[in-house]
Structure formats: C-alpha cells, structure tokens
Amino acid sequence: MFADLIPPSVAVDAVRVSTDVGELWLPADDRVILPYMKSSGTWEPGEAQMLRSLLQPNSRFLDVGANVGYFSALAAKLCPQGTIDAVEPEPRSVSLLRLNLWTLAPHARVWPVGLGLRRGIAALRTEEGNPGNTFVEEDSPRASRLTALVCGDELFAGRRFDVIKVDVQGYEPEVIRGLEETLRQSGNVSLVVEFFPEALRQRGLSPSEVLRLYRGMGFERLADVAGRLLRLDDEELLSMCQSSGKNGFVNLLLRKTF
C-alpha cells in the first residue's frame, strides 16, 4: 500500500546539504560526513566513481550500510529503470534515510535492520560525532540501542541484484556469507566492499582470513587505488591500509570467477 511507503515525521536536529545527488538531510552533530559534504558537495568520490562505472539504467542495487542515503540516491539517478534497496540499522540514520529517499519511493526502499548470518538481536555502538561509524555487536550483554539482525538470503529470498555495496565497519564477512544464495542467483553480480583491517581486528577477526574467505567464495578481487582498480596480493593490501594509519581502509571490487 502507498501509505506503507510514507516515512514518519521525526524530531531531529538536522542540516540540509546540497550535493551532486540532490539535497540530503544529515544530523547536525555529525563532525565527519556533514562538514565534508558541505564543503565538497559529494562523499567518498573514489567509491562513487566505482559505482558509476558499474551501475546501468536498469540495475538492481543493494546498499548495505546506507547511512543517510548518499549512494542510494546516486544509484537512483543512474538507474531510472532499476531498483534500490537500502539497508541501515542506526535509528537516527534510518529516519533521515527514509526522508531523503522519500521522493524516490517505491523506486527506492529502506530496510531498518542489520544483515548477518541469522535472525537475532544485536547492540549498536556509534562513535560520538560520527554516526556513519556504527558497529554491530552481537555479544554485548548490555546496550542503549538495539537492532534486529536478519540473514540477507531470508530478507531478499528470490531476489537478484546487479551491484551490491557493503560498508558496515568490519561486519562485512557476516553480511556477505548471509547473502550466499542471493549471490548465486545474481550471476555476474559486482560487490563494492570496504576492507577495514582495524575494525576486523577489533572484532577478533584476522584481516588475512577475511581475504581468504572472499577468495574461497570464488571472488576475483580488485582494489580501488586512487581511482584505478588494481590486483594486489594480501600483503600489498594490508600494507597499503597500514600506511594510512590505524583507520586505513580500501574499497574492494569483488566479482565471481566461477
């Protein structure tokens, strides 16, 4: 029903910013994305360039870790005959995401959950002043904010996607493993995935083992380096991230090789 698509009004201190994908509302206390967007009118231009090269007018796009919707809005502009599914668990971001994508409904749909390996409940931890830096914590004994978790294969049963973006602060392995059947059904799907070694280590995961997981799932792996897609081995990837400091990361393009 049309009424189900209408986002609720929200009481939030927000700022409207003009960007290259249209006007977006962001939390006024965001000290990372908001000032960057206000000065540049864009967000993560390298990742945006990669998505522009992948998305076609009829592409089906899945945005996991959509935040307030910049990349979903970008996809909506590039895919007028396609579909956009935006997944985001952080409550304030979800509220603004729904409103930012409202004019695009039902072309774009918001899912206010976290993706993982199974149905469950998880805590959310967000860095102060940086709502885009939100972490899913399944084992936390106490929380001030909670989200439902669901396996992507259950949420999108029978669906196919052409391009999937995953940026969930170290929770990428669970998201991708939970989409295995969807990936099989999606054929030549392209995944744009953040590889953030420190966030993985904080969760007790080995970055090298995560890279091996992607290989074992049959993915060719290319790294976005200054706008160029390069084949780097594991040591080169880890070294490149380390050279950028504790929070160094790289966006990977994953494509099926079999």
C-alpha atoms as a PDB file:
ATOM      1  CA  MET A   1       0.000   0.000   0.000  1.00  0.00           C
ATOM      2  CA  PHE A   2       1.122   3.546  -0.717  1.00  0.00           C
ATOM      3  CA  ALA A   3       0.653   4.528   2.936  1.00  0.00           C
ATOM      4  CA  ASP A   4       3.264   1.953   3.955  1.00  0.00           C
ATOM      5  CA  LEU A   5       5.887   3.855   1.961  1.00  0.00           C
ATOM      6  CA  ILE A   6       5.357   7.196   3.716  1.00  0.00           C
ATOM      7  CA  PRO A   7       8.150   7.839   6.239  1.00  0.00           C
ATOM      8  CA  PRO A   8       7.126   9.109   9.686  1.00  0.00           C
ATOM      9  CA  SER A   9       7.932  12.642  10.762  1.00  0.00           C
ATOM     10  CA  VAL A  10      10.960  12.793  13.047  1.00  0.00           C
ATOM     11  CA  ALA A  11      12.178  15.215  15.704  1.00  0.00           C
ATOM     12  CA  VAL A  12      15.868  15.534  14.927  1.00  0.00           C
ATOM     13  CA  ASP A  13      18.367  18.379  14.717  1.00  0.00           C
ATOM     14  CA  ALA A  14      19.351  18.084  11.053  1.00  0.00           C
ATOM     15  CA  VAL A  15      21.051  20.152   8.363  1.00  0.00           C
ATOM     16  CA  ARG A  16      20.112  20.207   4.668  1.00  0.00           C
ATOM     17  CA  VAL A  17      23.060  19.954   2.290  1.00  0.00           C
ATOM     18  CA  SER A  18      23.185  20.353  -1.488  1.00  0.00           C
ATOM     19  CA  THR A  19      25.139  17.507  -3.081  1.00  0.00           C
ATOM     20  CA  ASP A  20      25.802  16.140  -6.545  1.00  0.00           C
ATOM     21  CA  VAL A  21      22.988  13.597  -5.992  1.00  0.00           C
ATOM     22  CA  GLY A  22      20.465  16.156  -4.720  1.00  0.00           C
ATOM     23  CA  GLU A  23      19.603  17.645  -1.346  1.00  0.00           C
ATOM     24  CA  LEU A  24      20.197  15.432   1.687  1.00  0.00           C
ATOM     25  CA  TRP A  25      19.430  15.914   5.386  1.00  0.00           C
ATOM     26  CA  LEU A  26      22.213  14.955   7.824  1.00  0.00           C
ATOM     27  CA  PRO A  27      22.476  15.023  11.647  1.00  0.00           C
ATOM     28  CA  ALA A  28      23.615  18.452  12.789  1.00  0.00           C
ATOM     29  CA  ASP A  29      26.152  16.933  15.206  1.00  0.00           C
ATOM     30  CA  ASP A  30      27.869  14.846  12.508  1.00  0.00           C
ATOM     31  CA  ARG A  31      31.505  16.015  12.588  1.00  0.00           C
ATOM     32  CA  VAL A  32      32.708  13.820   9.697  1.00  0.00           C
ATOM     33  CA  ILE A  33      30.303  13.401   6.778  1.00  0.00           C
ATOM     34  CA  LEU A  34      28.410  16.684   7.248  1.00  0.00           C
ATOM     35  CA  PRO A  35      31.396  19.081   7.028  1.00  0.00           C
ATOM     36  CA  TYR A  36      32.854  17.130   4.108  1.00  0.00           C
ATOM     37  CA  MET A  37      29.594  17.217   2.170  1.00  0.00           C
ATOM     38  CA  LYS A  38      29.073  20.915   2.931  1.00  0.00           C
ATOM     39  CA  SER A  39      32.494  21.799   1.535  1.00  0.00           C
ATOM     40  CA  SER A  40      32.672  19.346  -1.387  1.00  0.00           C
ATOM     41  CA  GLY A  41      29.059  18.545  -2.265  1.00  0.00           C
ATOM     42  CA  THR A  42      29.901  14.850  -2.513  1.00  0.00           C
ATOM     43  CA  TRP A  43      31.005  11.843  -0.436  1.00  0.00           C
ATOM     44  CA  GLU A  44      33.810   9.298  -0.966  1.00  0.00           C
ATOM     45  CA  PRO A  45      34.425  10.234  -4.625  1.00  0.00           C
ATOM     46  CA  GLY A  46      36.516   7.104  -5.288  1.00  0.00           C
ATOM     47  CA  GLU A  47      33.694   4.792  -4.238  1.00  0.00           C
ATOM     48  CA  ALA A  48      31.184   6.920  -6.138  1.00  0.00           C
ATOM     49  CA  GLN A  49      33.324   6.701  -9.279  1.00  0.00           C
ATOM     50  CA  MET A  50      33.455   2.902  -8.966  1.00  0.00           C
ATOM     51  CA  LEU A  51      29.675   2.677  -8.613  1.00  0.00           C
ATOM     52  CA  ARG A  52      29.151   4.991 -11.589  1.00  0.00           C
ATOM     53  CA  SER A  53      31.216   2.599 -13.691  1.00  0.00           C
ATOM     54  CA  LEU A  54      29.122  -0.396 -12.580  1.00  0.00           C
ATOM     55  CA  LEU A  55      25.544   0.859 -12.469  1.00  0.00           C
ATOM     56  CA  GLN A  56      23.354   0.776 -15.569  1.00  0.00           C
ATOM     57  CA  PRO A  57      19.891   2.331 -16.149  1.00  0.00           C
ATOM     58  CA  ASN A  58      18.101  -0.916 -15.205  1.00  0.00           C
ATOM     59  CA  SER A  59      20.466  -2.103 -12.442  1.00  0.00           C
ATOM     60  CA  ARG A  60      19.154  -3.598  -9.209  1.00  0.00           C
ATOM     61  CA  PHE A  61      21.253  -2.049  -6.431  1.00  0.00           C
ATOM     62  CA  LEU A  62      21.599  -3.184  -2.807  1.00  0.00           C
ATOM     63  CA  ASP A  63      23.141  -0.625  -0.439  1.00  0.00           C
ATOM     64  CA  VAL A  64      24.163  -2.272   2.862  1.00  0.00           C
ATOM     65  CA  GLY A  65      25.213   0.350   5.399  1.00  0.00           C
ATOM     66  CA  ALA A  66      23.330   3.103   3.588  1.00  0.00           C
ATOM     67  CA  ASN A  67      23.691   5.742   6.338  1.00  0.00           C
ATOM     68  CA  VAL A  68      21.554   8.739   5.241  1.00  0.00           C
ATOM     69  CA  GLY A  69      21.402   7.616   1.617  1.00  0.00           C
ATOM     70  CA  TYR A  70      24.100   9.279  -0.482  1.00  0.00           C
ATOM     71  CA  PHE A  71      24.951   6.161  -2.506  1.00  0.00           C
ATOM     72  CA  SER A  72      21.311   5.076  -2.732  1.00  0.00           C
ATOM     73  CA  ALA A  73      20.418   8.496  -4.144  1.00  0.00           C
ATOM     74  CA  LEU A  74      23.350   8.228  -6.569  1.00  0.00           C
ATOM     75  CA  ALA A  75      22.061   4.841  -7.745  1.00  0.00           C
ATOM     76  CA  ALA A  76      18.554   6.195  -8.150  1.00  0.00           C
ATOM     77  CA  LYS A  77      19.873   8.851 -10.532  1.00  0.00           C
ATOM     78  CA  LEU A  78      21.905   6.320 -12.519  1.00  0.00           C
ATOM     79  CA  CYS A  79      19.256   3.554 -12.566  1.00  0.00           C
ATOM     80  CA  PRO A  80      15.911   5.154 -13.516  1.00  0.00           C
ATOM     81  CA  GLN A  81      14.543   1.763 -14.627  1.00  0.00           C
ATOM     82  CA  GLY A  82      16.170  -0.182 -11.797  1.00  0.00           C
ATOM     83  CA  THR A  83      15.532  -0.687  -8.084  1.00  0.00           C
ATOM     84  CA  ILE A  84      17.334   0.428  -4.927  1.00  0.00           C
ATOM     85  CA  ASP A  85      17.214  -1.432  -1.609  1.00  0.00           C
ATOM     86  CA  ALA A  86      18.849   0.491   1.242  1.00  0.00           C
ATOM     87  CA  VAL A  87      19.742  -1.331   4.480  1.00  0.00           C
ATOM     88  CA  GLU A  88      20.638   0.663   7.615  1.00  0.00           C
ATOM     89  CA  PRO A  89      20.183  -0.222  11.330  1.00  0.00           C
ATOM     90  CA  GLU A  90      21.241   3.010  13.110  1.00  0.00           C
ATOM     91  CA  PRO A  91      17.957   4.667  14.274  1.00  0.00           C
ATOM     92  CA  ARG A  92      18.691   8.327  13.504  1.00  0.00           C
ATOM     93  CA  SER A  93      20.284   7.463  10.186  1.00  0.00           C
ATOM     94  CA  VAL A  94      17.260   5.308   9.301  1.00  0.00           C
ATOM     95  CA  SER A  95      14.887   8.222   9.974  1.00  0.00           C
ATOM     96  CA  LEU A  96      16.845  10.573   7.723  1.00  0.00           C
ATOM     97  CA  LEU A  97      17.437   7.844   5.124  1.00  0.00           C
ATOM     98  CA  ARG A  98      13.677   7.278   4.811  1.00  0.00           C
ATOM     99  CA  LEU A  99      13.061  11.000   4.335  1.00  0.00           C
ATOM    100  CA  ASN A 100      15.996  11.511   1.958  1.00  0.00           C
ATOM    101  CA  LEU A 101      14.716   8.681  -0.268  1.00  0.00           C
ATOM    102  CA  TRP A 102      11.018   9.511   0.107  1.00  0.00           C
ATOM    103  CA  THR A 103      10.719  11.256  -3.259  1.00  0.00           C
ATOM    104  CA  LEU A 104      12.216   8.156  -4.880  1.00  0.00           C
ATOM    105  CA  ALA A 105       9.728   5.643  -3.386  1.00  0.00           C
ATOM    106  CA  PRO A 106       8.812   2.969  -4.422  1.00  0.00           C
ATOM    107  CA  HIS A 107      11.879   3.031  -6.702  1.00  0.00           C
ATOM    108  CA  ALA A 108      13.980   3.013  -3.520  1.00  0.00           C
ATOM    109  CA  ARG A 109      13.032   1.048  -0.398  1.00  0.00           C
ATOM    110  CA  VAL A 110      14.515   1.237   3.100  1.00  0.00           C
ATOM    111  CA  TRP A 111      15.111  -1.784   5.346  1.00  0.00           C
ATOM    112  CA  PRO A 112      15.760  -0.716   9.007  1.00  0.00           C
ATOM    113  CA  VAL A 113      17.744  -3.822  10.024  1.00  0.00           C
ATOM    114  CA  GLY A 114      21.258  -5.187  10.219  1.00  0.00           C
ATOM    115  CA  LEU A 115      22.268  -8.008   7.881  1.00  0.00           C
ATOM    116  CA  GLY A 116      24.104 -11.019   9.278  1.00  0.00           C
ATOM    117  CA  LEU A 117      24.133 -14.799   9.318  1.00  0.00           C
ATOM    118  CA  ARG A 118      20.817 -15.440  11.073  1.00  0.00           C
ATOM    119  CA  ARG A 119      17.833 -13.853  12.760  1.00  0.00           C
ATOM    120  CA  GLY A 120      18.816 -12.236  16.024  1.00  0.00           C
ATOM    121  CA  ILE A 121      19.226  -9.051  18.038  1.00  0.00           C
ATOM    122  CA  ALA A 122      22.420  -7.029  18.267  1.00  0.00           C
ATOM    123  CA  ALA A 123      23.692  -3.959  20.047  1.00  0.00           C
ATOM    124  CA  LEU A 124      24.757  -0.895  18.097  1.00  0.00           C
ATOM    125  CA  ARG A 125      27.750   1.216  19.105  1.00  0.00           C
ATOM    126  CA  THR A 126      28.308   4.573  17.400  1.00  0.00           C
ATOM    127  CA  GLU A 127      31.338   6.838  17.604  1.00  0.00           C
ATOM    128  CA  GLU A 128      30.378  10.194  19.083  1.00  0.00           C
ATOM    129  CA  GLY A 129      30.043  12.830  16.383  1.00  0.00           C
ATOM    130  CA  ASN A 130      30.302  10.232  13.626  1.00  0.00           C
ATOM    131  CA  PRO A 131      27.009   8.332  13.159  1.00  0.00           C
ATOM    132  CA  GLY A 132      28.425   6.783   9.990  1.00  0.00           C
ATOM    133  CA  ASN A 133      30.889   4.897  12.199  1.00  0.00           C
ATOM    134  CA  THR A 134      28.379   2.473  13.729  1.00  0.00           C
ATOM    135  CA  PHE A 135      29.365  -1.043  14.824  1.00  0.00           C
ATOM    136  CA  VAL A 136      27.175  -4.137  15.200  1.00  0.00           C
ATOM    137  CA  GLU A 137      27.961  -6.085  18.389  1.00  0.00           C
ATOM    138  CA  GLU A 138      26.176  -9.431  18.670  1.00  0.00           C
ATOM    139  CA  ASP A 139      27.721 -10.486  22.003  1.00  0.00           C
ATOM    140  CA  SER A 140      27.237  -7.309  24.016  1.00  0.00           C
ATOM    141  CA  PRO A 141      25.496  -8.045  27.397  1.00  0.00           C
ATOM    142  CA  ARG A 142      24.034  -4.524  27.643  1.00  0.00           C
ATOM    143  CA  ALA A 143      23.091  -1.847  25.133  1.00  0.00           C
ATOM    144  CA  SER A 144      21.493   1.560  24.819  1.00  0.00           C
ATOM    145  CA  ARG A 145      20.444   0.816  21.227  1.00  0.00           C
ATOM    146  CA  LEU A 146      19.420  -2.469  19.653  1.00  0.00           C
ATOM    147  CA  THR A 147      18.695  -3.632  16.121  1.00  0.00           C
ATOM    148  CA  ALA A 148      17.113  -6.678  14.559  1.00  0.00           C
ATOM    149  CA  LEU A 149      19.508  -8.857  12.580  1.00  0.00           C
ATOM    150  CA  VAL A 150      18.403 -10.928   9.605  1.00  0.00           C
ATOM    151  CA  CYS A 151      20.137 -13.099   7.037  1.00  0.00           C
ATOM    152  CA  GLY A 152      20.186 -11.368   3.659  1.00  0.00           C
ATOM    153  CA  ASP A 153      19.093 -14.578   1.939  1.00  0.00           C
ATOM    154  CA  GLU A 154      15.940 -14.569   4.071  1.00  0.00           C
ATOM    155  CA  LEU A 155      15.182 -10.870   3.620  1.00  0.00           C
ATOM    156  CA  PHE A 156      15.728 -10.953  -0.144  1.00  0.00           C
ATOM    157  CA  ALA A 157      14.613 -14.524  -0.886  1.00  0.00           C
ATOM    158  CA  GLY A 158      14.203 -14.972  -4.634  1.00  0.00           C
ATOM    159  CA  ARG A 159      15.655 -11.553  -5.422  1.00  0.00           C
ATOM    160  CA  ARG A 160      18.575 -10.826  -7.734  1.00  0.00           C
ATOM    161  CA  PHE A 161      20.948  -7.860  -7.686  1.00  0.00           C
ATOM    162  CA  ASP A 162      23.419  -6.460 -10.186  1.00  0.00           C
ATOM    163  CA  VAL A 163      25.504  -4.314  -7.823  1.00  0.00           C
ATOM    164  CA  ILE A 164      25.861  -4.600  -4.041  1.00  0.00           C
ATOM    165  CA  LYS A 165      27.697  -2.118  -1.807  1.00  0.00           C
ATOM    166  CA  VAL A 166      28.691  -3.274   1.701  1.00  0.00           C
ATOM    167  CA  ASP A 167      30.169  -0.814   4.211  1.00  0.00           C
ATOM    168  CA  VAL A 168      29.428  -1.939   7.766  1.00  0.00           C
ATOM    169  CA  GLN A 169      32.560  -1.245   9.811  1.00  0.00           C
ATOM    170  CA  GLY A 170      34.072  -4.711   9.991  1.00  0.00           C
ATOM    171  CA  TYR A 171      30.840  -6.712   9.809  1.00  0.00           C
ATOM    172  CA  GLU A 172      31.215  -7.305   6.063  1.00  0.00           C
ATOM    173  CA  PRO A 173      32.124 -11.047   6.307  1.00  0.00           C
ATOM    174  CA  GLU A 174      28.833 -11.921   8.037  1.00  0.00           C
ATOM    175  CA  VAL A 175      26.818  -9.817   5.610  1.00  0.00           C
ATOM    176  CA  ILE A 176      28.373 -11.479   2.564  1.00  0.00           C
ATOM    177  CA  ARG A 177      28.150 -15.007   3.959  1.00  0.00           C
ATOM    178  CA  GLY A 178      24.494 -14.356   4.751  1.00  0.00           C
ATOM    179  CA  LEU A 179      23.912 -13.453   1.080  1.00  0.00           C
ATOM    180  CA  GLU A 180      25.475 -16.587  -0.454  1.00  0.00           C
ATOM    181  CA  GLU A 181      22.262 -17.887  -2.077  1.00  0.00           C
ATOM    182  CA  THR A 182      21.339 -14.405  -3.296  1.00  0.00           C
ATOM    183  CA  LEU A 183      24.810 -14.075  -4.816  1.00  0.00           C
ATOM    184  CA  ARG A 184      24.429 -17.419  -6.592  1.00  0.00           C
ATOM    185  CA  GLN A 185      21.093 -16.310  -8.041  1.00  0.00           C
ATOM    186  CA  SER A 186      22.540 -12.952  -9.064  1.00  0.00           C
ATOM    187  CA  GLY A 187      25.028 -14.357 -11.584  1.00  0.00           C
ATOM    188  CA  ASN A 188      27.603 -11.736 -12.576  1.00  0.00           C
ATOM    189  CA  VAL A 189      26.912  -9.507  -9.592  1.00  0.00           C
ATOM    190  CA  SER A 190      29.541  -6.914  -8.604  1.00  0.00           C
ATOM    191  CA  LEU A 191      30.262  -6.175  -4.931  1.00  0.00           C
ATOM    192  CA  VAL A 192      31.865  -2.973  -3.688  1.00  0.00           C
ATOM    193  CA  VAL A 193      33.109  -3.881  -0.199  1.00  0.00           C
ATOM    194  CA  GLU A 194      35.035  -1.877   2.372  1.00  0.00           C
ATOM    195  CA  PHE A 195      38.116  -3.675   3.715  1.00  0.00           C
ATOM    196  CA  PHE A 196      38.932  -2.077   7.092  1.00  0.00           C
ATOM    197  CA  PRO A 197      41.582  -4.196   8.888  1.00  0.00           C
ATOM    198  CA  GLU A 198      41.421  -2.429  12.267  1.00  0.00           C
ATOM    199  CA  ALA A 199      37.631  -2.818  12.501  1.00  0.00           C
ATOM    200  CA  LEU A 200      38.032  -6.525  11.743  1.00  0.00           C
ATOM    201  CA  ARG A 201      40.742  -6.915  14.392  1.00  0.00           C
ATOM    202  CA  GLN A 202      38.552  -5.184  16.985  1.00  0.00           C
ATOM    203  CA  ARG A 203      36.021  -7.961  16.369  1.00  0.00           C
ATOM    204  CA  GLY A 204      38.664 -10.641  16.824  1.00  0.00           C
ATOM    205  CA  LEU A 205      38.847 -11.408  13.097  1.00  0.00           C
ATOM    206  CA  SER A 206      42.007 -11.816  11.059  1.00  0.00           C
ATOM    207  CA  PRO A 207      42.050  -9.495   8.009  1.00  0.00           C
ATOM    208  CA  SER A 208      44.073 -12.116   6.123  1.00  0.00           C
ATOM    209  CA  GLU A 209      41.445 -14.772   6.840  1.00  0.00           C
ATOM    210  CA  VAL A 210      38.713 -12.435   5.578  1.00  0.00           C
ATOM    211  CA  LEU A 211      40.600 -12.016   2.311  1.00  0.00           C
ATOM    212  CA  ARG A 212      40.915 -15.806   2.077  1.00  0.00           C
ATOM    213  CA  LEU A 213      37.169 -16.091   2.703  1.00  0.00           C
ATOM    214  CA  TYR A 214      36.464 -13.886  -0.305  1.00  0.00           C
ATOM    215  CA  ARG A 215      38.781 -15.983  -2.466  1.00  0.00           C
ATOM    216  CA  GLY A 216      37.172 -19.178  -1.225  1.00  0.00           C
ATOM    217  CA  MET A 217      33.752 -17.846  -2.215  1.00  0.00           C
ATOM    218  CA  GLY A 218      35.044 -17.529  -5.774  1.00  0.00           C
ATOM    219  CA  PHE A 219      35.594 -13.781  -5.967  1.00  0.00           C
ATOM    220  CA  GLU A 220      38.145 -12.008  -8.106  1.00  0.00           C
ATOM    221  CA  ARG A 221      39.407  -9.104  -6.003  1.00  0.00           C
ATOM    222  CA  LEU A 222      40.408  -5.656  -7.265  1.00  0.00           C
ATOM    223  CA  ALA A 223      41.445  -2.739  -5.054  1.00  0.00           C
ATOM    224  CA  ASP A 224      40.494   0.865  -5.733  1.00  0.00           C
ATOM    225  CA  VAL A 225      43.789   2.768  -5.584  1.00  0.00           C
ATOM    226  CA  ALA A 226      43.485   6.457  -6.498  1.00  0.00           C
ATOM    227  CA  GLY A 227      40.728   5.697  -8.976  1.00  0.00           C
ATOM    228  CA  ARG A 228      42.469   2.688 -10.535  1.00  0.00           C
ATOM    229  CA  LEU A 229      41.399  -0.929  -9.993  1.00  0.00           C
ATOM    230  CA  LEU A 230      44.496  -2.992  -9.220  1.00  0.00           C
ATOM    231  CA  ARG A 231      45.132  -6.662  -8.476  1.00  0.00           C
ATOM    232  CA  LEU A 232      47.059  -6.635  -5.209  1.00  0.00           C
ATOM    233  CA  ASP A 233      48.040  -9.645  -3.128  1.00  0.00           C
ATOM    234  CA  ASP A 234      47.117  -9.899   0.547  1.00  0.00           C
ATOM    235  CA  GLU A 235      50.370  -8.433   1.848  1.00  0.00           C
ATOM    236  CA  GLU A 236      50.137  -5.464  -0.522  1.00  0.00           C
ATOM    237  CA  LEU A 237      46.559  -4.758   0.567  1.00  0.00           C
ATOM    238  CA  LEU A 238      47.390  -4.942   4.249  1.00  0.00           C
ATOM    239  CA  SER A 239      50.492  -2.801   3.795  1.00  0.00           C
ATOM    240  CA  MET A 240      48.526  -0.159   1.903  1.00  0.00           C
ATOM    241  CA  CYS A 241      45.909   0.048   4.663  1.00  0.00           C
ATOM    242  CA  GLN A 242      48.594   0.158   7.363  1.00  0.00           C
ATOM    243  CA  SER A 243      50.385   3.022   5.594  1.00  0.00           C
ATOM    244  CA  SER A 244      47.247   5.146   6.074  1.00  0.00           C
ATOM    245  CA  GLY A 245      47.305   4.697   9.838  1.00  0.00           C
ATOM    246  CA  LYS A 246      45.089   2.855  12.305  1.00  0.00           C
ATOM    247  CA  ASN A 247      41.896   3.643  10.392  1.00  0.00           C
ATOM    248  CA  GLY A 248      43.303   2.849   6.958  1.00  0.00           C
ATOM    249  CA  PHE A 249      40.948   1.030   4.615  1.00  0.00           C
ATOM    250  CA  VAL A 250      40.452   0.262   0.945  1.00  0.00           C
ATOM    251  CA  ASN A 251      37.389  -0.376  -1.196  1.00  0.00           C
ATOM    252  CA  LEU A 252      37.425  -3.717  -2.978  1.00  0.00           C
ATOM    253  CA  LEU A 253      35.565  -4.742  -6.101  1.00  0.00           C
ATOM    254  CA  LEU A 254      34.588  -8.412  -5.827  1.00  0.00           C
ATOM    255  CA  ARG A 255      33.424 -10.330  -8.876  1.00  0.00           C
ATOM    256  CA  LYS A 256      32.680 -14.032  -9.288  1.00  0.00           C
ATOM    257  CA  THR A 257      35.313 -16.083 -11.106  1.00  0.00           C
ATOM    258  CA  PHE A 258      33.275 -19.321 -11.053  1.00  0.00           C
END
